[in-house]
Amino acid sequence: MKIKNFLKSLFHLKYQPTKDTAIAFVLGFLVIAISFGLFLFSGDTATDEIGFFVLRDLVMIFSLGFAFPLYYVLIIRKESLSEFGITRQKWLMSLVVGVVLAILLLFQFTSETGEVGQEILLSSEAIGPIFYIMVAGIFEVVFFYAFLRQRFENAFGIIPAIILAALFYSFHHAVNVKDFSQYRGKEISH
């Protein structure tokens, strides 16, 4: 009976947009616009580096990706962290799966880079980039797959929510500043 109810809820489509839905769409489009705005700072000058940091890290990742969703859910809506999928249920299994996937990702990085990749494990210079990748990953999970997806699910149902969250995530990544700068004929190190 549980499987039948799950499948029924999975394919249940609805149309009940609210203020939350509008906020999710606005924030999603802002993140995409900021991703495109990073083109403005695709050079290798100090101004470009600072602008890139402010726009991507402070505005997009910290403000729109962490601070606003947490403030909105916890303070304005007075809901719990369970709205982000953070619960005590199956925490040990989640931790084990996360660690295994992180190790596999690390092996993937080192195998792609060959011998140079082996230095990653021993280099103190790698701590910053590894930490940044971890923070960026948490931003993507919290913003796209917790905040946006939950708002869309409440308005449209599970399948449309997954599709919409994935679309926003994809368009956020559609702009790769490094690829764009190489196309223009200059290499940058972001």
N, C-alpha and C. Protein backbone atom coordinates (compact mmCIF):
# COMPACT_ATOMS: atom_id res chain seq x y z
N MET A 1 0.82 -1.19 0.00
CA MET A 1 0.00 0.00 0.00
C MET A 1 0.87 1.26 0.00
N LYS A 2 2.01 1.20 0.72
CA LYS A 2 2.90 2.36 0.76
C LYS A 2 3.45 2.69 -0.62
N ILE A 3 3.79 1.67 -1.38
CA ILE A 3 4.33 1.88 -2.73
C ILE A 3 3.28 2.53 -3.62
N LYS A 4 2.07 2.06 -3.52
CA LYS A 4 0.97 2.62 -4.32
C LYS A 4 0.76 4.10 -3.98
N ASN A 5 0.75 4.43 -2.70
CA ASN A 5 0.59 5.83 -2.29
C ASN A 5 1.77 6.68 -2.74
N PHE A 6 2.98 6.11 -2.66
CA PHE A 6 4.16 6.84 -3.10
C PHE A 6 4.08 7.14 -4.60
N LEU A 7 3.74 6.12 -5.39
CA LEU A 7 3.64 6.33 -6.84
C LEU A 7 2.54 7.33 -7.18
N LYS A 8 1.44 7.26 -6.45
CA LYS A 8 0.35 8.21 -6.67
C LYS A 8 0.81 9.64 -6.38
N SER A 9 1.53 9.83 -5.27
CA SER A 9 2.02 11.17 -4.93
C SER A 9 3.11 11.63 -5.90
N LEU A 10 3.89 10.67 -6.38
CA LEU A 10 4.97 11.00 -7.31
C LEU A 10 4.43 11.59 -8.61
N PHE A 11 3.38 11.01 -9.12
CA PHE A 11 2.84 11.45 -10.41
C PHE A 11 1.65 12.40 -10.28
N HIS A 12 1.38 12.85 -9.06
CA HIS A 12 0.30 13.80 -8.85
C HIS A 12 0.76 15.19 -9.28
N LEU A 13 0.11 15.73 -10.28
CA LEU A 13 0.43 17.08 -10.75
C LEU A 13 -0.59 18.04 -10.19
N LYS A 14 -0.14 19.22 -9.84
CA LYS A 14 -1.04 20.24 -9.32
C LYS A 14 -0.56 21.60 -9.79
N TYR A 15 -1.40 22.58 -9.57
CA TYR A 15 -1.02 23.95 -9.90
C TYR A 15 -1.53 24.84 -8.78
N GLN A 16 -0.65 25.06 -7.80
CA GLN A 16 -0.98 25.88 -6.64
C GLN A 16 0.17 26.82 -6.30
N PRO A 17 0.56 27.67 -7.26
CA PRO A 17 1.68 28.58 -6.97
C PRO A 17 1.30 29.58 -5.88
N THR A 18 2.30 29.93 -5.10
CA THR A 18 2.12 30.89 -4.00
C THR A 18 3.23 31.92 -4.06
N LYS A 19 3.28 32.75 -3.05
CA LYS A 19 4.37 33.72 -2.91
C LYS A 19 5.72 32.98 -2.85
N ASP A 20 5.74 31.83 -2.18
CA ASP A 20 6.97 31.02 -2.11
C ASP A 20 7.45 30.61 -3.50
N THR A 21 6.51 30.25 -4.36
CA THR A 21 6.85 29.84 -5.72
C THR A 21 7.47 31.01 -6.47
N ALA A 22 6.86 32.18 -6.34
CA ALA A 22 7.39 33.37 -7.02
C ALA A 22 8.79 33.70 -6.51
N ILE A 23 9.00 33.60 -5.22
CA ILE A 23 10.32 33.87 -4.65
C ILE A 23 11.34 32.87 -5.19
N ALA A 24 10.96 31.60 -5.30
CA ALA A 24 11.87 30.59 -5.84
C ALA A 24 12.23 30.90 -7.28
N PHE A 25 11.25 31.28 -8.11
CA PHE A 25 11.54 31.63 -9.50
C PHE A 25 12.45 32.85 -9.58
N VAL A 26 12.17 33.88 -8.79
CA VAL A 26 12.99 35.10 -8.82
C VAL A 26 14.43 34.78 -8.42
N LEU A 27 14.61 34.04 -7.33
CA LEU A 27 15.97 33.69 -6.89
C LEU A 27 16.67 32.81 -7.92
N GLY A 28 15.95 31.87 -8.50
CA GLY A 28 16.55 31.02 -9.53
C GLY A 28 17.04 31.81 -10.72
N PHE A 29 16.20 32.76 -11.19
CA PHE A 29 16.61 33.59 -12.32
C PHE A 29 17.74 34.54 -11.94
N LEU A 30 17.76 35.02 -10.69
CA LEU A 30 18.87 35.87 -10.24
C LEU A 30 20.19 35.11 -10.27
N VAL A 31 20.17 33.87 -9.80
CA VAL A 31 21.40 33.06 -9.81
C VAL A 31 21.87 32.83 -11.25
N ILE A 32 20.94 32.56 -12.15
CA ILE A 32 21.32 32.39 -13.56
C ILE A 32 21.89 33.68 -14.13
N ALA A 33 21.25 34.82 -13.81
CA ALA A 33 21.73 36.11 -14.30
C ALA A 33 23.13 36.41 -13.75
N ILE A 34 23.36 36.09 -12.50
CA ILE A 34 24.69 36.31 -11.92
C ILE A 34 25.71 35.40 -12.61
N SER A 35 25.33 34.17 -12.90
CA SER A 35 26.24 33.27 -13.63
C SER A 35 26.63 33.87 -14.96
N PHE A 36 25.66 34.44 -15.69
CA PHE A 36 25.98 35.11 -16.95
C PHE A 36 26.80 36.37 -16.70
N GLY A 37 26.52 37.07 -15.60
CA GLY A 37 27.24 38.29 -15.25
C GLY A 37 28.71 38.05 -14.96
N LEU A 38 29.08 36.83 -14.66
CA LEU A 38 30.49 36.51 -14.40
C LEU A 38 31.35 36.74 -15.64
N PHE A 39 30.72 36.78 -16.83
CA PHE A 39 31.47 37.10 -18.05
C PHE A 39 32.15 38.46 -17.93
N LEU A 40 31.52 39.37 -17.20
CA LEU A 40 32.09 40.71 -17.05
C LEU A 40 33.43 40.69 -16.33
N PHE A 41 33.68 39.63 -15.58
CA PHE A 41 34.92 39.53 -14.81
C PHE A 41 35.74 38.32 -15.23
N SER A 42 35.77 38.05 -16.51
CA SER A 42 36.47 36.86 -17.00
C SER A 42 37.93 37.13 -17.36
N GLY A 43 38.40 38.32 -17.09
CA GLY A 43 39.81 38.62 -17.36
C GLY A 43 40.70 38.15 -16.24
N ASP A 44 41.96 38.56 -16.31
CA ASP A 44 42.89 38.13 -15.28
C ASP A 44 43.49 39.30 -14.51
N THR A 45 42.81 40.43 -14.49
CA THR A 45 43.27 41.58 -13.72
C THR A 45 42.80 41.44 -12.27
N ALA A 46 43.36 42.25 -11.40
CA ALA A 46 42.95 42.25 -9.99
C ALA A 46 41.48 42.65 -9.86
N THR A 47 41.05 43.60 -10.67
CA THR A 47 39.65 44.02 -10.65
C THR A 47 38.73 42.87 -11.03
N ASP A 48 39.13 42.10 -12.05
CA ASP A 48 38.33 40.95 -12.45
C ASP A 48 38.27 39.91 -11.34
N GLU A 49 39.40 39.65 -10.71
CA GLU A 49 39.44 38.67 -9.61
C GLU A 49 38.52 39.10 -8.47
N ILE A 50 38.59 40.36 -8.08
CA ILE A 50 37.76 40.86 -6.99
C ILE A 50 36.29 40.85 -7.39
N GLY A 51 35.99 41.32 -8.59
CA GLY A 51 34.61 41.33 -9.06
C GLY A 51 34.03 39.93 -9.14
N PHE A 52 34.83 38.99 -9.64
CA PHE A 52 34.40 37.60 -9.74
C PHE A 52 34.09 37.05 -8.35
N PHE A 53 34.99 37.30 -7.39
CA PHE A 53 34.81 36.84 -6.01
C PHE A 53 33.55 37.43 -5.39
N VAL A 54 33.37 38.73 -5.53
CA VAL A 54 32.21 39.39 -4.93
C VAL A 54 30.91 38.87 -5.55
N LEU A 55 30.87 38.81 -6.87
CA LEU A 55 29.65 38.41 -7.55
C LEU A 55 29.33 36.94 -7.32
N ARG A 56 30.30 36.07 -7.52
CA ARG A 56 30.04 34.63 -7.39
C ARG A 56 29.96 34.19 -5.94
N ASP A 57 31.01 34.50 -5.17
CA ASP A 57 31.10 33.95 -3.82
C ASP A 57 30.23 34.67 -2.81
N LEU A 58 30.29 36.00 -2.79
CA LEU A 58 29.53 36.73 -1.78
C LEU A 58 28.05 36.89 -2.14
N VAL A 59 27.78 37.32 -3.37
CA VAL A 59 26.38 37.58 -3.74
C VAL A 59 25.65 36.28 -4.05
N MET A 60 26.19 35.49 -4.99
CA MET A 60 25.44 34.31 -5.43
C MET A 60 25.48 33.17 -4.40
N ILE A 61 26.67 32.72 -4.03
CA ILE A 61 26.77 31.55 -3.16
C ILE A 61 26.34 31.86 -1.74
N PHE A 62 26.93 32.88 -1.12
CA PHE A 62 26.62 33.14 0.29
C PHE A 62 25.24 33.79 0.46
N SER A 63 25.01 34.91 -0.22
CA SER A 63 23.76 35.66 0.03
C SER A 63 22.53 34.95 -0.52
N LEU A 64 22.54 34.65 -1.83
CA LEU A 64 21.36 34.03 -2.43
C LEU A 64 21.28 32.53 -2.17
N GLY A 65 22.43 31.88 -2.04
CA GLY A 65 22.44 30.43 -1.91
C GLY A 65 22.30 29.91 -0.50
N PHE A 66 22.83 30.65 0.50
CA PHE A 66 22.74 30.20 1.89
C PHE A 66 21.89 31.14 2.75
N ALA A 67 22.33 32.40 2.84
CA ALA A 67 21.72 33.32 3.80
C ALA A 67 20.23 33.53 3.56
N PHE A 68 19.85 33.88 2.33
CA PHE A 68 18.44 34.15 2.09
C PHE A 68 17.56 32.91 2.27
N PRO A 69 17.90 31.76 1.67
CA PRO A 69 17.04 30.58 1.89
C PRO A 69 16.90 30.21 3.37
N LEU A 70 18.00 30.23 4.12
CA LEU A 70 17.92 29.92 5.55
C LEU A 70 17.08 30.95 6.29
N TYR A 71 17.31 32.22 6.02
CA TYR A 71 16.52 33.29 6.65
C TYR A 71 15.05 33.15 6.31
N TYR A 72 14.75 32.91 5.05
CA TYR A 72 13.37 32.82 4.60
C TYR A 72 12.65 31.64 5.26
N VAL A 73 13.28 30.48 5.25
CA VAL A 73 12.63 29.28 5.80
C VAL A 73 12.57 29.31 7.32
N LEU A 74 13.69 29.65 7.98
CA LEU A 74 13.74 29.58 9.43
C LEU A 74 13.12 30.78 10.14
N ILE A 75 13.31 31.99 9.61
CA ILE A 75 12.85 33.19 10.30
C ILE A 75 11.50 33.66 9.78
N ILE A 76 11.37 33.83 8.48
CA ILE A 76 10.12 34.35 7.93
C ILE A 76 9.01 33.28 7.97
N ARG A 77 9.29 32.10 7.46
CA ARG A 77 8.27 31.03 7.41
C ARG A 77 8.18 30.27 8.73
N LYS A 78 9.18 30.43 9.61
CA LYS A 78 9.24 29.75 10.91
C LYS A 78 9.09 28.22 10.77
N GLU A 79 9.78 27.68 9.76
CA GLU A 79 9.80 26.24 9.53
C GLU A 79 11.12 25.69 10.03
N SER A 80 11.30 24.40 9.95
CA SER A 80 12.51 23.78 10.47
C SER A 80 13.49 23.45 9.34
N LEU A 81 14.65 22.97 9.73
CA LEU A 81 15.66 22.56 8.76
C LEU A 81 15.20 21.36 7.94
N SER A 82 14.17 20.69 8.37
CA SER A 82 13.66 19.55 7.60
C SER A 82 13.15 20.01 6.24
N GLU A 83 12.84 21.29 6.07
CA GLU A 83 12.45 21.84 4.77
C GLU A 83 13.60 21.74 3.77
N PHE A 84 14.82 21.62 4.27
CA PHE A 84 16.01 21.47 3.43
C PHE A 84 16.43 20.01 3.34
N GLY A 85 15.65 19.13 3.92
CA GLY A 85 16.00 17.72 3.91
C GLY A 85 16.97 17.34 5.01
N ILE A 86 17.20 18.23 5.97
CA ILE A 86 18.12 17.97 7.07
C ILE A 86 17.32 17.42 8.24
N THR A 87 17.44 16.11 8.43
CA THR A 87 16.72 15.44 9.52
C THR A 87 17.66 14.44 10.18
N ARG A 88 17.19 13.88 11.27
CA ARG A 88 17.98 12.86 11.96
C ARG A 88 17.73 11.47 11.38
N GLN A 89 16.75 11.36 10.51
CA GLN A 89 16.43 10.07 9.93
C GLN A 89 17.55 9.63 8.99
N LYS A 90 18.00 8.43 9.17
CA LYS A 90 18.99 7.80 8.30
C LYS A 90 20.27 8.64 8.15
N TRP A 91 20.66 9.36 9.21
CA TRP A 91 21.83 10.22 9.12
C TRP A 91 23.11 9.41 8.95
N LEU A 92 23.18 8.26 9.59
CA LEU A 92 24.39 7.44 9.48
C LEU A 92 24.55 6.91 8.06
N MET A 93 23.47 6.44 7.47
CA MET A 93 23.51 5.95 6.09
C MET A 93 23.90 7.09 5.15
N SER A 94 23.34 8.27 5.36
CA SER A 94 23.66 9.43 4.52
C SER A 94 25.13 9.79 4.65
N LEU A 95 25.64 9.75 5.87
CA LEU A 95 27.05 10.07 6.09
C LEU A 95 27.96 9.07 5.38
N VAL A 96 27.66 7.79 5.50
CA VAL A 96 28.48 6.75 4.86
C VAL A 96 28.45 6.92 3.34
N VAL A 97 27.25 7.10 2.77
CA VAL A 97 27.14 7.28 1.33
C VAL A 97 27.89 8.53 0.89
N GLY A 98 27.76 9.63 1.64
CA GLY A 98 28.47 10.87 1.30
C GLY A 98 29.97 10.70 1.31
N VAL A 99 30.50 10.02 2.31
CA VAL A 99 31.95 9.81 2.40
C VAL A 99 32.43 8.93 1.24
N VAL A 100 31.70 7.85 0.95
CA VAL A 100 32.08 6.97 -0.17
C VAL A 100 32.08 7.75 -1.47
N LEU A 101 31.03 8.53 -1.71
CA LEU A 101 30.97 9.32 -2.95
C LEU A 101 32.08 10.37 -3.01
N ALA A 102 32.42 10.97 -1.88
CA ALA A 102 33.51 11.94 -1.85
C ALA A 102 34.84 11.29 -2.19
N ILE A 103 35.07 10.10 -1.68
CA ILE A 103 36.30 9.37 -1.99
C ILE A 103 36.35 9.01 -3.47
N LEU A 104 35.23 8.55 -4.00
CA LEU A 104 35.18 8.23 -5.43
C LEU A 104 35.43 9.47 -6.29
N LEU A 105 34.88 10.61 -5.88
CA LEU A 105 35.11 11.86 -6.60
C LEU A 105 36.58 12.25 -6.54
N LEU A 106 37.19 12.08 -5.39
CA LEU A 106 38.62 12.38 -5.26
C LEU A 106 39.44 11.49 -6.19
N PHE A 107 39.12 10.21 -6.27
CA PHE A 107 39.81 9.31 -7.19
C PHE A 107 39.59 9.75 -8.64
N GLN A 108 38.38 10.20 -8.94
CA GLN A 108 38.09 10.68 -10.30
C GLN A 108 38.97 11.88 -10.63
N PHE A 109 39.08 12.83 -9.69
CA PHE A 109 39.93 14.01 -9.93
C PHE A 109 41.38 13.60 -10.14
N THR A 110 41.88 12.71 -9.30
CA THR A 110 43.29 12.35 -9.42
C THR A 110 43.55 11.51 -10.67
N SER A 111 42.60 10.69 -11.09
CA SER A 111 42.83 9.89 -12.30
C SER A 111 42.78 10.75 -13.55
N GLU A 112 41.98 11.82 -13.53
CA GLU A 112 41.90 12.71 -14.69
C GLU A 112 43.17 13.55 -14.86
N THR A 113 43.84 13.85 -13.76
CA THR A 113 44.99 14.72 -13.84
C THR A 113 46.32 13.97 -13.89
N GLY A 114 46.29 12.66 -13.79
CA GLY A 114 47.51 11.87 -13.89
C GLY A 114 48.43 12.08 -12.70
N GLU A 115 49.71 12.17 -12.97
CA GLU A 115 50.68 12.31 -11.89
C GLU A 115 50.52 13.61 -11.14
N VAL A 116 50.14 14.66 -11.83
CA VAL A 116 49.94 15.94 -11.16
C VAL A 116 48.87 15.81 -10.11
N GLY A 117 47.85 15.03 -10.38
CA GLY A 117 46.76 14.83 -9.44
C GLY A 117 47.20 14.17 -8.15
N GLN A 118 48.25 13.36 -8.21
CA GLN A 118 48.74 12.72 -6.99
C GLN A 118 49.27 13.75 -6.01
N GLU A 119 49.75 14.87 -6.52
CA GLU A 119 50.25 15.93 -5.65
C GLU A 119 49.14 16.59 -4.85
N ILE A 120 47.91 16.47 -5.33
CA ILE A 120 46.78 17.06 -4.63
C ILE A 120 46.70 16.54 -3.21
N LEU A 121 46.92 15.25 -3.03
CA LEU A 121 46.79 14.66 -1.71
C LEU A 121 47.87 15.14 -0.75
N LEU A 122 49.00 15.55 -1.27
CA LEU A 122 50.12 15.92 -0.42
C LEU A 122 50.35 17.42 -0.32
N SER A 123 49.69 18.19 -1.12
CA SER A 123 49.96 19.61 -1.19
C SER A 123 49.09 20.41 -0.22
N SER A 124 49.72 21.28 0.54
CA SER A 124 48.95 22.16 1.43
C SER A 124 48.20 23.22 0.63
N GLU A 125 48.64 23.47 -0.61
CA GLU A 125 47.96 24.44 -1.46
C GLU A 125 46.60 23.93 -1.94
N ALA A 126 46.35 22.64 -1.79
CA ALA A 126 45.10 22.06 -2.26
C ALA A 126 43.96 22.24 -1.26
N ILE A 127 44.26 22.59 -0.03
CA ILE A 127 43.22 22.71 1.01
C ILE A 127 42.18 23.76 0.61
N GLY A 128 42.60 24.91 0.14
CA GLY A 128 41.66 25.97 -0.25
C GLY A 128 40.73 25.53 -1.37
N PRO A 129 41.26 25.04 -2.50
CA PRO A 129 40.37 24.58 -3.56
C PRO A 129 39.44 23.44 -3.15
N ILE A 130 39.94 22.51 -2.35
CA ILE A 130 39.09 21.41 -1.90
C ILE A 130 37.97 21.95 -1.03
N PHE A 131 38.28 22.86 -0.13
CA PHE A 131 37.26 23.48 0.73
C PHE A 131 36.25 24.24 -0.12
N TYR A 132 36.74 24.97 -1.13
CA TYR A 132 35.83 25.74 -1.98
C TYR A 132 34.88 24.83 -2.75
N ILE A 133 35.39 23.72 -3.28
CA ILE A 133 34.53 22.77 -4.01
C ILE A 133 33.47 22.21 -3.07
N MET A 134 33.85 21.96 -1.83
CA MET A 134 32.90 21.46 -0.85
C MET A 134 31.80 22.49 -0.56
N VAL A 135 32.19 23.75 -0.36
CA VAL A 135 31.21 24.81 -0.10
C VAL A 135 30.31 25.03 -1.30
N ALA A 136 30.88 25.02 -2.50
CA ALA A 136 30.08 25.19 -3.71
C ALA A 136 29.10 24.04 -3.87
N GLY A 137 29.51 22.84 -3.53
CA GLY A 137 28.60 21.69 -3.59
C GLY A 137 27.46 21.82 -2.60
N ILE A 138 27.77 22.29 -1.40
CA ILE A 138 26.72 22.49 -0.40
C ILE A 138 25.75 23.58 -0.87
N PHE A 139 26.28 24.65 -1.47
CA PHE A 139 25.41 25.70 -2.03
C PHE A 139 24.44 25.11 -3.04
N GLU A 140 24.94 24.29 -3.95
CA GLU A 140 24.08 23.73 -4.98
C GLU A 140 23.01 22.83 -4.39
N VAL A 141 23.37 22.02 -3.40
CA VAL A 141 22.39 21.14 -2.78
C VAL A 141 21.34 21.95 -2.01
N VAL A 142 21.79 22.89 -1.19
CA VAL A 142 20.86 23.68 -0.39
C VAL A 142 19.97 24.54 -1.29
N PHE A 143 20.55 25.23 -2.25
CA PHE A 143 19.77 26.17 -3.04
C PHE A 143 18.88 25.48 -4.07
N PHE A 144 19.48 24.65 -4.93
CA PHE A 144 18.72 24.07 -6.03
C PHE A 144 17.85 22.89 -5.60
N TYR A 145 18.47 21.96 -4.87
CA TYR A 145 17.76 20.71 -4.59
C TYR A 145 17.05 20.68 -3.26
N ALA A 146 17.18 21.71 -2.46
CA ALA A 146 16.39 21.80 -1.23
C ALA A 146 15.42 22.98 -1.33
N PHE A 147 15.96 24.19 -1.42
CA PHE A 147 15.09 25.38 -1.40
C PHE A 147 14.20 25.46 -2.63
N LEU A 148 14.79 25.52 -3.83
CA LEU A 148 13.97 25.66 -5.03
C LEU A 148 13.06 24.45 -5.24
N ARG A 149 13.61 23.25 -5.13
CA ARG A 149 12.81 22.06 -5.40
C ARG A 149 11.63 21.94 -4.45
N GLN A 150 11.82 22.25 -3.18
CA GLN A 150 10.73 22.15 -2.22
C GLN A 150 9.62 23.16 -2.53
N ARG A 151 10.01 24.38 -2.90
CA ARG A 151 9.01 25.40 -3.25
C ARG A 151 8.23 24.97 -4.50
N PHE A 152 8.94 24.44 -5.49
CA PHE A 152 8.28 23.99 -6.71
C PHE A 152 7.40 22.76 -6.44
N GLU A 153 7.87 21.88 -5.57
CA GLU A 153 7.07 20.69 -5.25
C GLU A 153 5.75 21.09 -4.58
N ASN A 154 5.81 22.04 -3.68
CA ASN A 154 4.60 22.50 -3.02
C ASN A 154 3.61 23.08 -4.02
N ALA A 155 4.11 23.68 -5.08
CA ALA A 155 3.24 24.34 -6.06
C ALA A 155 2.80 23.43 -7.20
N PHE A 156 3.67 22.53 -7.65
CA PHE A 156 3.39 21.79 -8.88
C PHE A 156 3.42 20.27 -8.74
N GLY A 157 4.01 19.73 -7.69
CA GLY A 157 4.15 18.28 -7.54
C GLY A 157 5.61 17.87 -7.67
N ILE A 158 5.87 16.60 -7.40
CA ILE A 158 7.25 16.10 -7.31
C ILE A 158 7.99 16.14 -8.65
N ILE A 159 7.43 15.55 -9.69
CA ILE A 159 8.12 15.46 -10.98
C ILE A 159 8.39 16.85 -11.57
N PRO A 160 7.39 17.75 -11.64
CA PRO A 160 7.69 19.09 -12.15
C PRO A 160 8.73 19.83 -11.31
N ALA A 161 8.72 19.59 -9.99
CA ALA A 161 9.70 20.24 -9.11
C ALA A 161 11.12 19.79 -9.44
N ILE A 162 11.28 18.49 -9.64
CA ILE A 162 12.61 17.95 -9.98
C ILE A 162 13.07 18.52 -11.31
N ILE A 163 12.18 18.57 -12.27
CA ILE A 163 12.53 19.10 -13.61
C ILE A 163 12.89 20.58 -13.53
N LEU A 164 12.08 21.37 -12.81
CA LEU A 164 12.37 22.80 -12.70
C LEU A 164 13.69 23.06 -11.97
N ALA A 165 13.92 22.36 -10.85
CA ALA A 165 15.17 22.54 -10.12
C ALA A 165 16.36 22.16 -10.98
N ALA A 166 16.22 21.07 -11.73
CA ALA A 166 17.31 20.63 -12.62
C ALA A 166 17.55 21.64 -13.75
N LEU A 167 16.48 22.24 -14.25
CA LEU A 167 16.65 23.27 -15.29
C LEU A 167 17.39 24.49 -14.76
N PHE A 168 17.01 24.96 -13.59
CA PHE A 168 17.72 26.10 -13.00
C PHE A 168 19.18 25.74 -12.74
N TYR A 169 19.43 24.55 -12.23
CA TYR A 169 20.79 24.10 -11.98
C TYR A 169 21.59 24.04 -13.29
N SER A 170 20.97 23.51 -14.34
CA SER A 170 21.65 23.40 -15.63
C SER A 170 21.97 24.75 -16.22
N PHE A 171 21.00 25.66 -16.20
CA PHE A 171 21.26 26.99 -16.75
C PHE A 171 22.28 27.76 -15.93
N HIS A 172 22.32 27.50 -14.64
CA HIS A 172 23.35 28.10 -13.79
C HIS A 172 24.73 27.65 -14.25
N HIS A 173 24.85 26.40 -14.69
CA HIS A 173 26.13 25.87 -15.15
C HIS A 173 26.34 26.02 -16.65
N ALA A 174 25.37 26.55 -17.35
CA ALA A 174 25.51 26.70 -18.80
C ALA A 174 26.61 27.69 -19.14
N VAL A 175 26.89 28.57 -18.23
CA VAL A 175 27.92 29.58 -18.44
C VAL A 175 29.17 29.15 -17.70
N ASN A 176 30.20 28.81 -18.47
CA ASN A 176 31.47 28.45 -17.87
C ASN A 176 32.48 29.49 -18.30
N VAL A 177 32.85 30.35 -17.36
CA VAL A 177 33.72 31.49 -17.68
C VAL A 177 35.05 31.04 -18.24
N LYS A 178 35.59 29.94 -17.71
CA LYS A 178 36.88 29.47 -18.20
C LYS A 178 36.79 29.08 -19.67
N ASP A 179 35.73 28.33 -20.04
CA ASP A 179 35.56 27.95 -21.43
C ASP A 179 35.38 29.18 -22.31
N PHE A 180 34.64 30.15 -21.83
CA PHE A 180 34.40 31.37 -22.60
C PHE A 180 35.71 32.12 -22.83
N SER A 181 36.54 32.23 -21.79
CA SER A 181 37.79 32.97 -21.94
C SER A 181 38.74 32.25 -22.89
N GLN A 182 38.74 30.91 -22.86
CA GLN A 182 39.59 30.17 -23.79
C GLN A 182 39.11 30.39 -25.22
N TYR A 183 37.81 30.46 -25.39
CA TYR A 183 37.25 30.72 -26.71
C TYR A 183 37.73 32.08 -27.22
N ARG A 184 37.82 33.05 -26.32
CA ARG A 184 38.29 34.38 -26.69
C ARG A 184 39.80 34.41 -26.88
N GLY A 185 40.45 33.31 -26.54
CA GLY A 185 41.88 33.22 -26.79
C GLY A 185 42.76 33.55 -25.60
N LYS A 186 42.17 33.64 -24.40
CA LYS A 186 43.01 33.87 -23.25
C LYS A 186 42.64 32.89 -22.14
N GLU A 187 43.61 32.45 -21.43
CA GLU A 187 43.45 31.46 -20.39
C GLU A 187 43.38 32.17 -19.04
N ILE A 188 42.42 31.79 -18.20
CA ILE A 188 42.37 32.33 -16.85
C ILE A 188 42.37 31.17 -15.88
N SER A 189 42.60 31.45 -14.62
CA SER A 189 42.68 30.37 -13.63
C SER A 189 41.62 30.55 -12.56
N HIS A 190 40.39 30.27 -12.91
CA HIS A 190 39.31 30.32 -11.93
C HIS A 190 38.86 28.92 -11.65
